[in-house]
Amino acid sequence: MVEIYAINAQQLARLDKLEDYFHHAPDKGVYDRAVLATRHGEAWCYLYNANIDESALISSGEWQDPR
């Protein structure tokens, strides 16, 4: 499920802080930010910035109830 919101530059800056995104050094934060094409137009998306190769797979697909 995806939610898309229309926000202004000040709100985006607040989200960047919340998501630990640093526009001047995107590789230093927890998340990077990228523009994605959607059926509603382009949208910013936060992408996890760490290596997940060693992470455990959640076979159920339910991160809240990982079995």
PDB file of N, CA and C in Angstrom:
ATOM      1  N   MET A   1       0.840  -1.158   0.000  1.00  0.00           N
ATOM      2  CA  MET A   1       0.000   0.000   0.000  1.00  0.00           C
ATOM      3  C   MET A   1       0.894   1.232   0.000  1.00  0.00           C
ATOM      4  N   VAL A   2       0.496   2.230  -0.742  1.00  0.00           N
ATOM      5  CA  VAL A   2       1.256   3.473  -0.860  1.00  0.00           C
ATOM      6  C   VAL A   2       0.318   4.640  -0.607  1.00  0.00           C
ATOM      7  N   GLU A   3       0.824   5.624   0.097  1.00  0.00           N
ATOM      8  CA  GLU A   3       0.070   6.857   0.312  1.00  0.00           C
ATOM      9  C   GLU A   3       0.855   8.000  -0.310  1.00  0.00           C
ATOM     10  N   ILE A   4       0.173   8.869  -1.044  1.00  0.00           N
ATOM     11  CA  ILE A   4       0.811  10.017  -1.692  1.00  0.00           C
ATOM     12  C   ILE A   4       0.160  11.278  -1.155  1.00  0.00           C
ATOM     13  N   TYR A   5       1.000  12.233  -0.752  1.00  0.00           N
ATOM     14  CA  TYR A   5       0.517  13.497  -0.204  1.00  0.00           C
ATOM     15  C   TYR A   5       1.116  14.659  -0.979  1.00  0.00           C
ATOM     16  N   ALA A   6       0.371  15.728  -1.107  1.00  0.00           N
ATOM     17  CA  ALA A   6       0.892  16.983  -1.656  1.00  0.00           C
ATOM     18  C   ALA A   6       1.399  17.798  -0.473  1.00  0.00           C
ATOM     19  N   ILE A   7       2.699  18.132  -0.475  1.00  0.00           N
ATOM     20  CA  ILE A   7       3.289  18.895   0.622  1.00  0.00           C
ATOM     21  C   ILE A   7       4.124  20.038   0.061  1.00  0.00           C
ATOM     22  N   ASN A   8       4.417  21.014   0.913  1.00  0.00           N
ATOM     23  CA  ASN A   8       5.247  22.137   0.480  1.00  0.00           C
ATOM     24  C   ASN A   8       6.699  21.899   0.899  1.00  0.00           C
ATOM     25  N   ALA A   9       7.585  22.821   0.524  1.00  0.00           N
ATOM     26  CA  ALA A   9       9.018  22.661   0.792  1.00  0.00           C
ATOM     27  C   ALA A   9       9.316  22.588   2.289  1.00  0.00           C
ATOM     28  N   GLN A  10       8.602  23.357   3.093  1.00  0.00           N
ATOM     29  CA  GLN A  10       8.822  23.338   4.539  1.00  0.00           C
ATOM     30  C   GLN A  10       8.433  21.975   5.125  1.00  0.00           C
ATOM     31  N   GLN A  11       7.341  21.416   4.655  1.00  0.00           N
ATOM     32  CA  GLN A  11       6.915  20.098   5.129  1.00  0.00           C
ATOM     33  C   GLN A  11       7.899  19.018   4.687  1.00  0.00           C
ATOM     34  N   LEU A  12       8.421  19.144   3.460  1.00  0.00           N
ATOM     35  CA  LEU A  12       9.409  18.179   2.975  1.00  0.00           C
ATOM     36  C   LEU A  12      10.667  18.240   3.837  1.00  0.00           C
ATOM     37  N   ALA A  13      11.099  19.435   4.205  1.00  0.00           N
ATOM     38  CA  ALA A  13      12.272  19.586   5.074  1.00  0.00           C
ATOM     39  C   ALA A  13      12.028  18.923   6.433  1.00  0.00           C
ATOM     40  N   ARG A  14      10.824  19.050   6.964  1.00  0.00           N
ATOM     41  CA  ARG A  14      10.491  18.408   8.245  1.00  0.00           C
ATOM     42  C   ARG A  14      10.495  16.881   8.104  1.00  0.00           C
ATOM     43  N   LEU A  15       9.983  16.379   6.983  1.00  0.00           N
ATOM     44  CA  LEU A  15      10.016  14.932   6.742  1.00  0.00           C
ATOM     45  C   LEU A  15      11.449  14.437   6.598  1.00  0.00           C
ATOM     46  N   ASP A  16      12.293  15.221   5.910  1.00  0.00           N
ATOM     47  CA  ASP A  16      13.702  14.844   5.772  1.00  0.00           C
ATOM     48  C   ASP A  16      14.341  14.658   7.145  1.00  0.00           C
ATOM     49  N   LYS A  17      14.054  15.568   8.059  1.00  0.00           N
ATOM     50  CA  LYS A  17      14.600  15.469   9.416  1.00  0.00           C
ATOM     51  C   LYS A  17      14.052  14.235  10.125  1.00  0.00           C
ATOM     52  N   LEU A  18      12.759  14.005  10.012  1.00  0.00           N
ATOM     53  CA  LEU A  18      12.126  12.840  10.629  1.00  0.00           C
ATOM     54  C   LEU A  18      12.722  11.536  10.100  1.00  0.00           C
ATOM     55  N   GLU A  19      12.973  11.475   8.800  1.00  0.00           N
ATOM     56  CA  GLU A  19      13.471  10.259   8.151  1.00  0.00           C
ATOM     57  C   GLU A  19      14.994  10.160   8.154  1.00  0.00           C
ATOM     58  N   ASP A  20      15.675  11.101   8.830  1.00  0.00           N
ATOM     59  CA  ASP A  20      17.136  11.099   8.919  1.00  0.00           C
ATOM     60  C   ASP A  20      17.775  11.150   7.525  1.00  0.00           C
ATOM     61  N   TYR A  21      17.248  12.037   6.670  1.00  0.00           N
ATOM     62  CA  TYR A  21      17.770  12.228   5.315  1.00  0.00           C
ATOM     63  C   TYR A  21      18.551  13.537   5.268  1.00  0.00           C
ATOM     64  N   PHE A  22      19.762  13.486   4.718  1.00  0.00           N
ATOM     65  CA  PHE A  22      20.619  14.663   4.599  1.00  0.00           C
ATOM     66  C   PHE A  22      20.849  14.959   3.122  1.00  0.00           C
ATOM     67  N   HIS A  23      20.205  16.011   2.595  1.00  0.00           N
ATOM     68  CA  HIS A  23      20.310  16.299   1.158  1.00  0.00           C
ATOM     69  C   HIS A  23      21.741  16.598   0.739  1.00  0.00           C
ATOM     70  N   HIS A  24      22.564  17.148   1.632  1.00  0.00           N
ATOM     71  CA  HIS A  24      23.954  17.458   1.315  1.00  0.00           C
ATOM     72  C   HIS A  24      24.863  16.225   1.379  1.00  0.00           C
ATOM     73  N   ALA A  25      24.406  15.157   2.016  1.00  0.00           N
ATOM     74  CA  ALA A  25      25.181  13.915   2.135  1.00  0.00           C
ATOM     75  C   ALA A  25      24.220  12.735   2.276  1.00  0.00           C
ATOM     76  N   PRO A  26      23.487  12.395   1.208  1.00  0.00           N
ATOM     77  CA  PRO A  26      22.451  11.355   1.300  1.00  0.00           C
ATOM     78  C   PRO A  26      22.963   9.991   1.759  1.00  0.00           C
ATOM     79  N   ASP A  27      24.241   9.697   1.542  1.00  0.00           N
ATOM     80  CA  ASP A  27      24.784   8.404   1.961  1.00  0.00           C
ATOM     81  C   ASP A  27      25.037   8.329   3.468  1.00  0.00           C
ATOM     82  N   LYS A  28      24.916   9.442   4.174  1.00  0.00           N
ATOM     83  CA  LYS A  28      25.173   9.477   5.619  1.00  0.00           C
ATOM     84  C   LYS A  28      23.929   9.205   6.460  1.00  0.00           C
ATOM     85  N   GLY A  29      22.753   9.341   5.900  1.00  0.00           N
ATOM     86  CA  GLY A  29      21.522   9.166   6.665  1.00  0.00           C
ATOM     87  C   GLY A  29      20.987   7.752   6.606  1.00  0.00           C
ATOM     88  N   VAL A  30      19.927   7.518   7.348  1.00  0.00           N
ATOM     89  CA  VAL A  30      19.264   6.212   7.349  1.00  0.00           C
ATOM     90  C   VAL A  30      18.573   5.975   6.006  1.00  0.00           C
ATOM     91  N   TYR A  31      18.055   7.064   5.412  1.00  0.00           N
ATOM     92  CA  TYR A  31      17.332   6.957   4.149  1.00  0.00           C
ATOM     93  C   TYR A  31      17.906   7.900   3.106  1.00  0.00           C
ATOM     94  N   ASP A  32      17.767   7.518   1.854  1.00  0.00           N
ATOM     95  CA  ASP A  32      18.011   8.387   0.711  1.00  0.00           C
ATOM     96  C   ASP A  32      16.632   8.779   0.192  1.00  0.00           C
ATOM     97  N   ARG A  33      16.581   9.796  -0.632  1.00  0.00           N
ATOM     98  CA  ARG A  33      15.293  10.234  -1.186  1.00  0.00           C
ATOM     99  C   ARG A  33      15.424  10.253  -2.703  1.00  0.00           C
ATOM    100  N   ALA A  34      14.421   9.729  -3.397  1.00  0.00           N
ATOM    101  CA  ALA A  34      14.430   9.671  -4.858  1.00  0.00           C
ATOM    102  C   ALA A  34      13.049  10.020  -5.393  1.00  0.00           C
ATOM    103  N   VAL A  35      13.024  10.471  -6.643  1.00  0.00           N
ATOM    104  CA  VAL A  35      11.760  10.755  -7.313  1.00  0.00           C
ATOM    105  C   VAL A  35      11.323   9.495  -8.053  1.00  0.00           C
ATOM    106  N   LEU A  36      10.085   9.085  -7.821  1.00  0.00           N
ATOM    107  CA  LEU A  36       9.517   7.930  -8.508  1.00  0.00           C
ATOM    108  C   LEU A  36       8.343   8.372  -9.364  1.00  0.00           C
ATOM    109  N   ALA A  37       8.191   7.736 -10.512  1.00  0.00           N
ATOM    110  CA  ALA A  37       7.033   7.995 -11.370  1.00  0.00           C
ATOM    111  C   ALA A  37       5.861   7.162 -10.859  1.00  0.00           C
ATOM    112  N   THR A  38       4.718   7.806 -10.667  1.00  0.00           N
ATOM    113  CA  THR A  38       3.507   7.103 -10.250  1.00  0.00           C
ATOM    114  C   THR A  38       2.398   7.420 -11.244  1.00  0.00           C
ATOM    115  N   ARG A  39       1.287   6.763 -11.126  1.00  0.00           N
ATOM    116  CA  ARG A  39       0.166   7.063 -12.023  1.00  0.00           C
ATOM    117  C   ARG A  39      -0.433   8.433 -11.723  1.00  0.00           C
ATOM    118  N   HIS A  40      -0.029   9.015 -10.585  1.00  0.00           N
ATOM    119  CA  HIS A  40      -0.504  10.348 -10.198  1.00  0.00           C
ATOM    120  C   HIS A  40       0.533  11.428 -10.500  1.00  0.00           C
ATOM    121  N   GLY A  41       1.636  11.049 -11.125  1.00  0.00           N
ATOM    122  CA  GLY A  41       2.737  11.973 -11.390  1.00  0.00           C
ATOM    123  C   GLY A  41       3.952  11.578 -10.569  1.00  0.00           C
ATOM    124  N   GLU A  42       4.963  12.438 -10.565  1.00  0.00           N
ATOM    125  CA  GLU A  42       6.180  12.138  -9.827  1.00  0.00           C
ATOM    126  C   GLU A  42       5.975  12.368  -8.331  1.00  0.00           C
ATOM    127  N   ALA A  43       6.663  11.548  -7.525  1.00  0.00           N
ATOM    128  CA  ALA A  43       6.550  11.654  -6.070  1.00  0.00           C
ATOM    129  C   ALA A  43       7.897  11.329  -5.435  1.00  0.00           C
ATOM    130  N   TRP A  44       8.207  12.029  -4.341  1.00  0.00           N
ATOM    131  CA  TRP A  44       9.402  11.707  -3.569  1.00  0.00           C
ATOM    132  C   TRP A  44       9.151  10.419  -2.796  1.00  0.00           C
ATOM    133  N   CYS A  45      10.199   9.622  -2.653  1.00  0.00           N
ATOM    134  CA  CYS A  45      10.117   8.378  -1.896  1.00  0.00           C
ATOM    135  C   CYS A  45      11.400   8.233  -1.085  1.00  0.00           C
ATOM    136  N   TYR A  46      11.285   7.816   0.164  1.00  0.00           N
ATOM    137  CA  TYR A  46      12.461   7.552   0.994  1.00  0.00           C
ATOM    138  C   TYR A  46      12.849   6.090   0.823  1.00  0.00           C
ATOM    139  N   LEU A  47      14.138   5.862   0.581  1.00  0.00           N
ATOM    140  CA  LEU A  47      14.667   4.522   0.350  1.00  0.00           C
ATOM    141  C   LEU A  47      15.672   4.188   1.447  1.00  0.00           C
ATOM    142  N   TYR A  48      15.540   3.020   2.045  1.00  0.00           N
ATOM    143  CA  TYR A  48      16.455   2.596   3.107  1.00  0.00           C
ATOM    144  C   TYR A  48      17.871   2.572   2.565  1.00  0.00           C
ATOM    145  N   ASN A  49      18.801   3.130   3.318  1.00  0.00           N
ATOM    146  CA  ASN A  49      20.144   3.400   2.825  1.00  0.00           C
ATOM    147  C   ASN A  49      21.188   2.376   3.264  1.00  0.00           C
ATOM    148  N   ALA A  50      20.808   1.322   3.940  1.00  0.00           N
ATOM    149  CA  ALA A  50      21.780   0.348   4.433  1.00  0.00           C
ATOM    150  C   ALA A  50      21.739  -0.926   3.594  1.00  0.00           C
ATOM    151  N   ASN A  51      22.778  -1.704   3.726  1.00  0.00           N
ATOM    152  CA  ASN A  51      22.866  -2.983   3.034  1.00  0.00           C
ATOM    153  C   ASN A  51      21.913  -3.973   3.708  1.00  0.00           C
ATOM    154  N   ILE A  52      21.062  -4.593   2.937  1.00  0.00           N
ATOM    155  CA  ILE A  52      20.109  -5.560   3.502  1.00  0.00           C
ATOM    156  C   ILE A  52      20.433  -6.999   3.096  1.00  0.00           C
ATOM    157  N   ASP A  53      21.597  -7.201   2.475  1.00  0.00           N
ATOM    158  CA  ASP A  53      21.962  -8.538   2.016  1.00  0.00           C
ATOM    159  C   ASP A  53      21.988  -9.568   3.144  1.00  0.00           C
ATOM    160  N   GLU A  54      22.379  -9.158   4.349  1.00  0.00           N
ATOM    161  CA  GLU A  54      22.483 -10.078   5.481  1.00  0.00           C
ATOM    162  C   GLU A  54      21.202 -10.144   6.307  1.00  0.00           C
ATOM    163  N   SER A  55      20.181  -9.414   5.912  1.00  0.00           N
ATOM    164  CA  SER A  55      18.938  -9.372   6.686  1.00  0.00           C
ATOM    165  C   SER A  55      18.124 -10.648   6.503  1.00  0.00           C
ATOM    166  N   ALA A  56      17.363 -10.985   7.528  1.00  0.00           N
ATOM    167  CA  ALA A  56      16.503 -12.169   7.464  1.00  0.00           C
ATOM    168  C   ALA A  56      15.277 -11.873   6.604  1.00  0.00           C
ATOM    169  N   LEU A  57      14.924 -12.810   5.767  1.00  0.00           N
ATOM    170  CA  LEU A  57      13.736 -12.694   4.932  1.00  0.00           C
ATOM    171  C   LEU A  57      12.495 -12.986   5.771  1.00  0.00           C
ATOM    172  N   ILE A  58      11.496 -12.139   5.661  1.00  0.00           N
ATOM    173  CA  ILE A  58      10.218 -12.368   6.344  1.00  0.00           C
ATOM    174  C   ILE A  58       9.318 -13.073   5.337  1.00  0.00           C
ATOM    175  N   SER A  59       9.259 -14.392   5.439  1.00  0.00           N
ATOM    176  CA  SER A  59       8.573 -15.189   4.422  1.00  0.00           C
ATOM    177  C   SER A  59       7.090 -14.875   4.316  1.00  0.00           C
ATOM    178  N   SER A  60       6.469 -14.449   5.418  1.00  0.00           N
ATOM    179  CA  SER A  60       5.042 -14.124   5.373  1.00  0.00           C
ATOM    180  C   SER A  60       4.787 -12.811   4.641  1.00  0.00           C
ATOM    181  N   GLY A  61       5.821 -11.954   4.562  1.00  0.00           N
ATOM    182  CA  GLY A  61       5.644 -10.637   3.960  1.00  0.00           C
ATOM    183  C   GLY A  61       5.027  -9.633   4.913  1.00  0.00           C
ATOM    184  N   GLU A  62       4.710 -10.060   6.127  1.00  0.00           N
ATOM    185  CA  GLU A  62       4.081  -9.202   7.134  1.00  0.00           C
ATOM    186  C   GLU A  62       5.129  -8.781   8.157  1.00  0.00           C
ATOM    187  N   TRP A  63       5.687  -7.583   8.003  1.00  0.00           N
ATOM    188  CA  TRP A  63       6.754  -7.143   8.897  1.00  0.00           C
ATOM    189  C   TRP A  63       6.281  -6.974  10.336  1.00  0.00           C
ATOM    190  N   GLN A  64       4.984  -6.751  10.550  1.00  0.00           N
ATOM    191  CA  GLN A  64       4.472  -6.595  11.912  1.00  0.00           C
ATOM    192  C   GLN A  64       4.308  -7.937  12.620  1.00  0.00           C
ATOM    193  N   ASP A  65       4.262  -9.019  11.864  1.00  0.00           N
ATOM    194  CA  ASP A  65       4.114 -10.360  12.420  1.00  0.00           C
ATOM    195  C   ASP A  65       5.052 -11.292  11.659  1.00  0.00           C
ATOM    196  N   PRO A  66       6.371 -11.098  11.832  1.00  0.00           N
ATOM    197  CA  PRO A  66       7.330 -11.865  11.028  1.00  0.00           C
ATOM    198  C   PRO A  66       7.403 -13.329  11.431  1.00  0.00           C
ATOM    199  N   ARG A  67       6.941 -14.186  10.547  1.00  0.00           N
ATOM    200  CA  ARG A  67       7.003 -15.635  10.781  1.00  0.00           C
ATOM    201  C   ARG A  67       7.804 -16.283   9.695  1.00  0.00           C
TER     202      ARG A  67
END
